[in-house]
Amino acid sequence: MNVRDWIVKESAAPKTPAALVERMLAFLGDDARRDARDVSEACLAAAARALEELLAAGRFERDSALDLLAVDALTTFAFAHASQVRDDRGLLQFSDDGARRLGRLALQRV
């Protein structure tokens, strides 16, 4: 199983809109082919890349809603996966690192 397979499986219930799944996979790019053990890191990295692009372009309007939702969904999947595969200490570290990474992006660009 790879990252793409995991995303598709997790998106099935509850049903995630196909357009959102497609956008998440587009943001993942080649990382979608990584082993499913890497879902947390791949999704967080894709969310950070996409958020960086949106912030750099100042894209906060309604026409960017799907992209913003995809960033949110990738972040959610990253933390959901981390909670499934990491112990408490590992999850705390991943959460702290992820929050800092995404938070720094927002502070640098806004």
N, C-alpha and C. Protein backbone atom coordinates (compact mmCIF):
# COMPACT_ATOMS: atom_id res chain seq x y z
N MET A 1 0.85 -1.17 0.00
CA MET A 1 0.00 0.00 0.00
C MET A 1 0.90 1.23 0.00
N ASN A 2 0.50 2.24 -0.77
CA ASN A 2 1.25 3.48 -0.80
C ASN A 2 0.39 4.62 -0.23
N VAL A 3 0.95 5.82 -0.21
CA VAL A 3 0.25 6.98 0.36
C VAL A 3 -1.06 7.22 -0.38
N ARG A 4 -1.03 7.15 -1.71
CA ARG A 4 -2.25 7.36 -2.50
C ARG A 4 -3.34 6.36 -2.10
N ASP A 5 -2.99 5.09 -2.00
CA ASP A 5 -3.95 4.05 -1.62
C ASP A 5 -4.56 4.35 -0.25
N TRP A 6 -3.71 4.78 0.68
CA TRP A 6 -4.18 5.07 2.04
C TRP A 6 -5.16 6.24 2.02
N ILE A 7 -4.82 7.29 1.28
CA ILE A 7 -5.70 8.46 1.18
C ILE A 7 -7.05 8.06 0.59
N VAL A 8 -7.04 7.31 -0.48
CA VAL A 8 -8.28 6.89 -1.14
C VAL A 8 -9.11 6.04 -0.19
N LYS A 9 -8.47 5.11 0.51
CA LYS A 9 -9.19 4.24 1.46
C LYS A 9 -9.81 5.05 2.59
N GLU A 10 -9.03 5.95 3.18
CA GLU A 10 -9.52 6.76 4.29
C GLU A 10 -10.59 7.76 3.85
N SER A 11 -10.58 8.14 2.58
CA SER A 11 -11.55 9.10 2.06
C SER A 11 -12.90 8.47 1.76
N ALA A 12 -12.94 7.15 1.75
CA ALA A 12 -14.18 6.45 1.38
C ALA A 12 -15.26 6.54 2.45
N ALA A 13 -14.88 6.56 3.72
CA ALA A 13 -15.88 6.60 4.78
C ALA A 13 -15.41 7.51 5.90
N PRO A 14 -16.01 8.62 6.14
CA PRO A 14 -17.13 9.16 5.38
C PRO A 14 -16.66 9.64 4.01
N LYS A 15 -17.56 9.63 3.08
CA LYS A 15 -17.21 9.94 1.70
C LYS A 15 -16.68 11.36 1.55
N THR A 16 -15.45 11.45 1.13
CA THR A 16 -14.83 12.73 0.84
C THR A 16 -15.11 13.06 -0.62
N PRO A 17 -15.51 14.28 -0.93
CA PRO A 17 -15.79 14.63 -2.33
C PRO A 17 -14.60 14.30 -3.24
N ALA A 18 -14.89 13.75 -4.40
CA ALA A 18 -13.84 13.33 -5.33
C ALA A 18 -12.92 14.48 -5.71
N ALA A 19 -13.47 15.67 -5.88
CA ALA A 19 -12.64 16.81 -6.26
C ALA A 19 -11.61 17.12 -5.17
N LEU A 20 -11.99 16.94 -3.91
CA LEU A 20 -11.06 17.19 -2.82
C LEU A 20 -9.96 16.13 -2.79
N VAL A 21 -10.34 14.88 -2.97
CA VAL A 21 -9.34 13.79 -3.01
C VAL A 21 -8.37 14.03 -4.16
N GLU A 22 -8.89 14.39 -5.32
CA GLU A 22 -8.03 14.65 -6.48
C GLU A 22 -7.06 15.79 -6.21
N ARG A 23 -7.54 16.83 -5.54
CA ARG A 23 -6.67 17.97 -5.25
C ARG A 23 -5.59 17.58 -4.24
N MET A 24 -5.95 16.79 -3.24
CA MET A 24 -4.95 16.32 -2.27
C MET A 24 -3.87 15.50 -2.98
N LEU A 25 -4.30 14.62 -3.86
CA LEU A 25 -3.35 13.78 -4.59
C LEU A 25 -2.46 14.63 -5.50
N ALA A 26 -3.03 15.66 -6.09
CA ALA A 26 -2.23 16.57 -6.93
C ALA A 26 -1.17 17.27 -6.08
N PHE A 27 -1.55 17.73 -4.89
CA PHE A 27 -0.59 18.38 -4.00
C PHE A 27 0.49 17.41 -3.54
N LEU A 28 0.13 16.14 -3.37
CA LEU A 28 1.12 15.14 -2.96
C LEU A 28 2.14 14.89 -4.06
N GLY A 29 1.70 14.95 -5.31
CA GLY A 29 2.62 14.71 -6.42
C GLY A 29 3.27 13.34 -6.31
N ASP A 30 4.58 13.29 -6.51
CA ASP A 30 5.32 12.03 -6.46
C ASP A 30 5.29 11.38 -5.08
N ASP A 31 5.06 12.18 -4.03
CA ASP A 31 4.98 11.61 -2.68
C ASP A 31 3.82 10.63 -2.53
N ALA A 32 2.85 10.69 -3.42
CA ALA A 32 1.71 9.76 -3.36
C ALA A 32 2.16 8.32 -3.58
N ARG A 33 3.33 8.14 -4.18
CA ARG A 33 3.84 6.79 -4.44
C ARG A 33 4.68 6.25 -3.30
N ARG A 34 4.93 7.07 -2.30
CA ARG A 34 5.71 6.59 -1.15
C ARG A 34 4.95 5.51 -0.40
N ASP A 35 5.66 4.72 0.36
CA ASP A 35 5.05 3.67 1.16
C ASP A 35 4.07 4.27 2.16
N ALA A 36 3.01 3.56 2.46
CA ALA A 36 1.97 4.05 3.37
C ALA A 36 2.51 4.34 4.77
N ARG A 37 3.64 3.79 5.12
CA ARG A 37 4.24 4.12 6.42
C ARG A 37 4.60 5.60 6.50
N ASP A 38 4.73 6.24 5.33
CA ASP A 38 5.15 7.64 5.26
C ASP A 38 3.99 8.62 5.10
N VAL A 39 2.76 8.17 5.32
CA VAL A 39 1.60 9.03 5.11
C VAL A 39 1.71 10.32 5.92
N SER A 40 2.04 10.23 7.18
CA SER A 40 2.10 11.42 8.04
C SER A 40 3.04 12.46 7.46
N GLU A 41 4.26 12.04 7.18
CA GLU A 41 5.26 12.98 6.67
C GLU A 41 4.90 13.49 5.28
N ALA A 42 4.43 12.60 4.41
CA ALA A 42 4.09 13.00 3.04
C ALA A 42 2.94 14.00 3.02
N CYS A 43 1.91 13.74 3.80
CA CYS A 43 0.76 14.65 3.83
C CYS A 43 1.12 15.99 4.43
N LEU A 44 1.89 15.99 5.51
CA LEU A 44 2.28 17.25 6.12
C LEU A 44 3.18 18.05 5.18
N ALA A 45 4.10 17.39 4.50
CA ALA A 45 4.98 18.08 3.56
C ALA A 45 4.18 18.66 2.40
N ALA A 46 3.21 17.90 1.89
CA ALA A 46 2.38 18.40 0.79
C ALA A 46 1.53 19.58 1.25
N ALA A 47 0.98 19.49 2.45
CA ALA A 47 0.18 20.60 2.98
C ALA A 47 1.05 21.85 3.12
N ALA A 48 2.27 21.69 3.61
CA ALA A 48 3.17 22.83 3.78
C ALA A 48 3.54 23.44 2.42
N ARG A 49 3.85 22.61 1.44
CA ARG A 49 4.19 23.13 0.10
C ARG A 49 3.01 23.90 -0.49
N ALA A 50 1.83 23.31 -0.40
CA ALA A 50 0.64 23.95 -0.97
C ALA A 50 0.32 25.25 -0.23
N LEU A 51 0.41 25.23 1.09
CA LEU A 51 0.14 26.44 1.86
C LEU A 51 1.15 27.53 1.52
N GLU A 52 2.41 27.16 1.38
CA GLU A 52 3.44 28.13 0.99
C GLU A 52 3.09 28.78 -0.34
N GLU A 53 2.67 28.00 -1.31
CA GLU A 53 2.29 28.54 -2.62
C GLU A 53 1.09 29.47 -2.52
N LEU A 54 0.08 29.07 -1.75
CA LEU A 54 -1.11 29.90 -1.59
C LEU A 54 -0.79 31.21 -0.89
N LEU A 55 0.02 31.13 0.15
CA LEU A 55 0.39 32.34 0.89
C LEU A 55 1.25 33.27 0.03
N ALA A 56 2.19 32.69 -0.70
CA ALA A 56 3.07 33.50 -1.55
C ALA A 56 2.29 34.23 -2.63
N ALA A 57 1.25 33.59 -3.13
CA ALA A 57 0.44 34.18 -4.19
C ALA A 57 -0.70 35.04 -3.64
N GLY A 58 -0.87 35.04 -2.31
CA GLY A 58 -1.96 35.81 -1.71
C GLY A 58 -3.32 35.28 -2.11
N ARG A 59 -3.41 33.97 -2.26
CA ARG A 59 -4.65 33.35 -2.72
C ARG A 59 -5.51 32.93 -1.52
N PHE A 60 -6.39 33.84 -1.12
CA PHE A 60 -7.28 33.58 0.02
C PHE A 60 -8.74 33.74 -0.35
N GLU A 61 -9.01 33.98 -1.61
CA GLU A 61 -10.38 34.25 -2.06
C GLU A 61 -11.15 32.96 -2.29
N ARG A 62 -12.40 33.14 -2.60
CA ARG A 62 -13.31 32.02 -2.81
C ARG A 62 -12.82 31.05 -3.89
N ASP A 63 -12.14 31.58 -4.92
CA ASP A 63 -11.67 30.70 -5.99
C ASP A 63 -10.53 29.79 -5.54
N SER A 64 -10.01 30.00 -4.36
CA SER A 64 -8.96 29.13 -3.80
C SER A 64 -9.50 28.20 -2.72
N ALA A 65 -10.80 28.16 -2.57
CA ALA A 65 -11.41 27.38 -1.48
C ALA A 65 -11.03 25.91 -1.54
N LEU A 66 -11.06 25.31 -2.73
CA LEU A 66 -10.73 23.89 -2.84
C LEU A 66 -9.27 23.64 -2.43
N ASP A 67 -8.39 24.53 -2.83
CA ASP A 67 -6.98 24.38 -2.45
C ASP A 67 -6.81 24.50 -0.94
N LEU A 68 -7.48 25.47 -0.34
CA LEU A 68 -7.40 25.64 1.11
C LEU A 68 -7.99 24.44 1.85
N LEU A 69 -9.08 23.91 1.34
CA LEU A 69 -9.67 22.71 1.94
C LEU A 69 -8.73 21.51 1.80
N ALA A 70 -8.04 21.42 0.68
CA ALA A 70 -7.10 20.32 0.47
C ALA A 70 -5.92 20.42 1.44
N VAL A 71 -5.44 21.63 1.70
CA VAL A 71 -4.39 21.81 2.70
C VAL A 71 -4.89 21.34 4.06
N ASP A 72 -6.09 21.73 4.41
CA ASP A 72 -6.69 21.32 5.68
C ASP A 72 -6.84 19.80 5.75
N ALA A 73 -7.33 19.20 4.68
CA ALA A 73 -7.54 17.75 4.66
C ALA A 73 -6.21 17.00 4.75
N LEU A 74 -5.19 17.46 4.02
CA LEU A 74 -3.88 16.82 4.11
C LEU A 74 -3.32 16.90 5.52
N THR A 75 -3.51 18.04 6.16
CA THR A 75 -3.04 18.20 7.54
C THR A 75 -3.80 17.26 8.47
N THR A 76 -5.10 17.17 8.27
CA THR A 76 -5.92 16.27 9.08
C THR A 76 -5.48 14.82 8.89
N PHE A 77 -5.27 14.41 7.65
CA PHE A 77 -4.82 13.04 7.38
C PHE A 77 -3.44 12.79 7.99
N ALA A 78 -2.56 13.78 7.92
CA ALA A 78 -1.23 13.62 8.50
C ALA A 78 -1.33 13.32 9.99
N PHE A 79 -2.14 14.09 10.70
CA PHE A 79 -2.26 13.88 12.14
C PHE A 79 -3.06 12.63 12.48
N ALA A 80 -4.05 12.31 11.67
CA ALA A 80 -4.82 11.07 11.89
C ALA A 80 -3.91 9.86 11.74
N HIS A 81 -3.11 9.85 10.69
CA HIS A 81 -2.18 8.72 10.48
C HIS A 81 -1.17 8.64 11.62
N ALA A 82 -0.62 9.79 11.99
CA ALA A 82 0.36 9.80 13.09
C ALA A 82 -0.24 9.23 14.36
N SER A 83 -1.51 9.52 14.61
CA SER A 83 -2.15 9.01 15.84
C SER A 83 -2.34 7.50 15.78
N GLN A 84 -2.37 6.94 14.58
CA GLN A 84 -2.54 5.49 14.42
C GLN A 84 -1.22 4.73 14.54
N VAL A 85 -0.12 5.35 14.16
CA VAL A 85 1.13 4.60 14.05
C VAL A 85 2.20 5.02 15.06
N ARG A 86 1.99 6.08 15.80
CA ARG A 86 3.02 6.55 16.73
C ARG A 86 2.57 6.35 18.17
N ASP A 87 3.55 6.19 19.04
CA ASP A 87 3.23 6.15 20.46
C ASP A 87 2.97 7.59 20.92
N ASP A 88 2.59 7.75 22.16
CA ASP A 88 2.23 9.08 22.67
C ASP A 88 3.36 10.09 22.50
N ARG A 89 4.56 9.69 22.81
CA ARG A 89 5.71 10.61 22.70
C ARG A 89 5.95 10.98 21.24
N GLY A 90 5.89 9.99 20.34
CA GLY A 90 6.09 10.25 18.92
C GLY A 90 5.00 11.14 18.35
N LEU A 91 3.77 10.92 18.79
CA LEU A 91 2.65 11.74 18.33
C LEU A 91 2.81 13.18 18.83
N LEU A 92 3.20 13.33 20.06
CA LEU A 92 3.42 14.67 20.61
C LEU A 92 4.51 15.41 19.83
N GLN A 93 5.58 14.71 19.52
CA GLN A 93 6.69 15.33 18.77
C GLN A 93 6.24 15.70 17.36
N PHE A 94 5.53 14.78 16.69
CA PHE A 94 5.05 15.05 15.34
C PHE A 94 4.08 16.23 15.35
N SER A 95 3.19 16.26 16.32
CA SER A 95 2.22 17.35 16.43
C SER A 95 2.91 18.68 16.65
N ASP A 96 3.87 18.69 17.54
CA ASP A 96 4.61 19.92 17.82
C ASP A 96 5.36 20.39 16.58
N ASP A 97 6.07 19.49 15.94
CA ASP A 97 6.83 19.85 14.73
C ASP A 97 5.90 20.34 13.62
N GLY A 98 4.79 19.64 13.42
CA GLY A 98 3.85 20.01 12.37
C GLY A 98 3.21 21.37 12.61
N ALA A 99 2.81 21.61 13.83
CA ALA A 99 2.19 22.90 14.17
C ALA A 99 3.19 24.04 13.97
N ARG A 100 4.42 23.82 14.37
CA ARG A 100 5.45 24.85 14.20
C ARG A 100 5.73 25.10 12.72
N ARG A 101 5.82 24.03 11.95
CA ARG A 101 6.12 24.16 10.52
C ARG A 101 5.05 24.96 9.79
N LEU A 102 3.80 24.60 10.01
CA LEU A 102 2.71 25.30 9.34
C LEU A 102 2.53 26.71 9.92
N GLY A 103 2.70 26.84 11.21
CA GLY A 103 2.57 28.16 11.84
C GLY A 103 3.61 29.14 11.36
N ARG A 104 4.84 28.67 11.19
CA ARG A 104 5.91 29.55 10.68
C ARG A 104 5.59 30.04 9.29
N LEU A 105 5.03 29.18 8.44
CA LEU A 105 4.66 29.60 7.09
C LEU A 105 3.68 30.77 7.14
N ALA A 106 2.66 30.61 7.95
CA ALA A 106 1.64 31.65 8.04
C ALA A 106 2.23 32.95 8.57
N LEU A 107 3.07 32.87 9.57
CA LEU A 107 3.67 34.07 10.16
C LEU A 107 4.64 34.75 9.20
N GLN A 108 5.33 33.99 8.38
CA GLN A 108 6.29 34.56 7.43
C GLN A 108 5.60 35.31 6.31
N ARG A 109 4.41 34.87 5.94
CA ARG A 109 3.77 35.39 4.73
C ARG A 109 2.64 36.37 4.99
N VAL A 110 2.08 36.36 6.18
CA VAL A 110 0.93 37.21 6.43
C VAL A 110 1.35 38.50 7.08
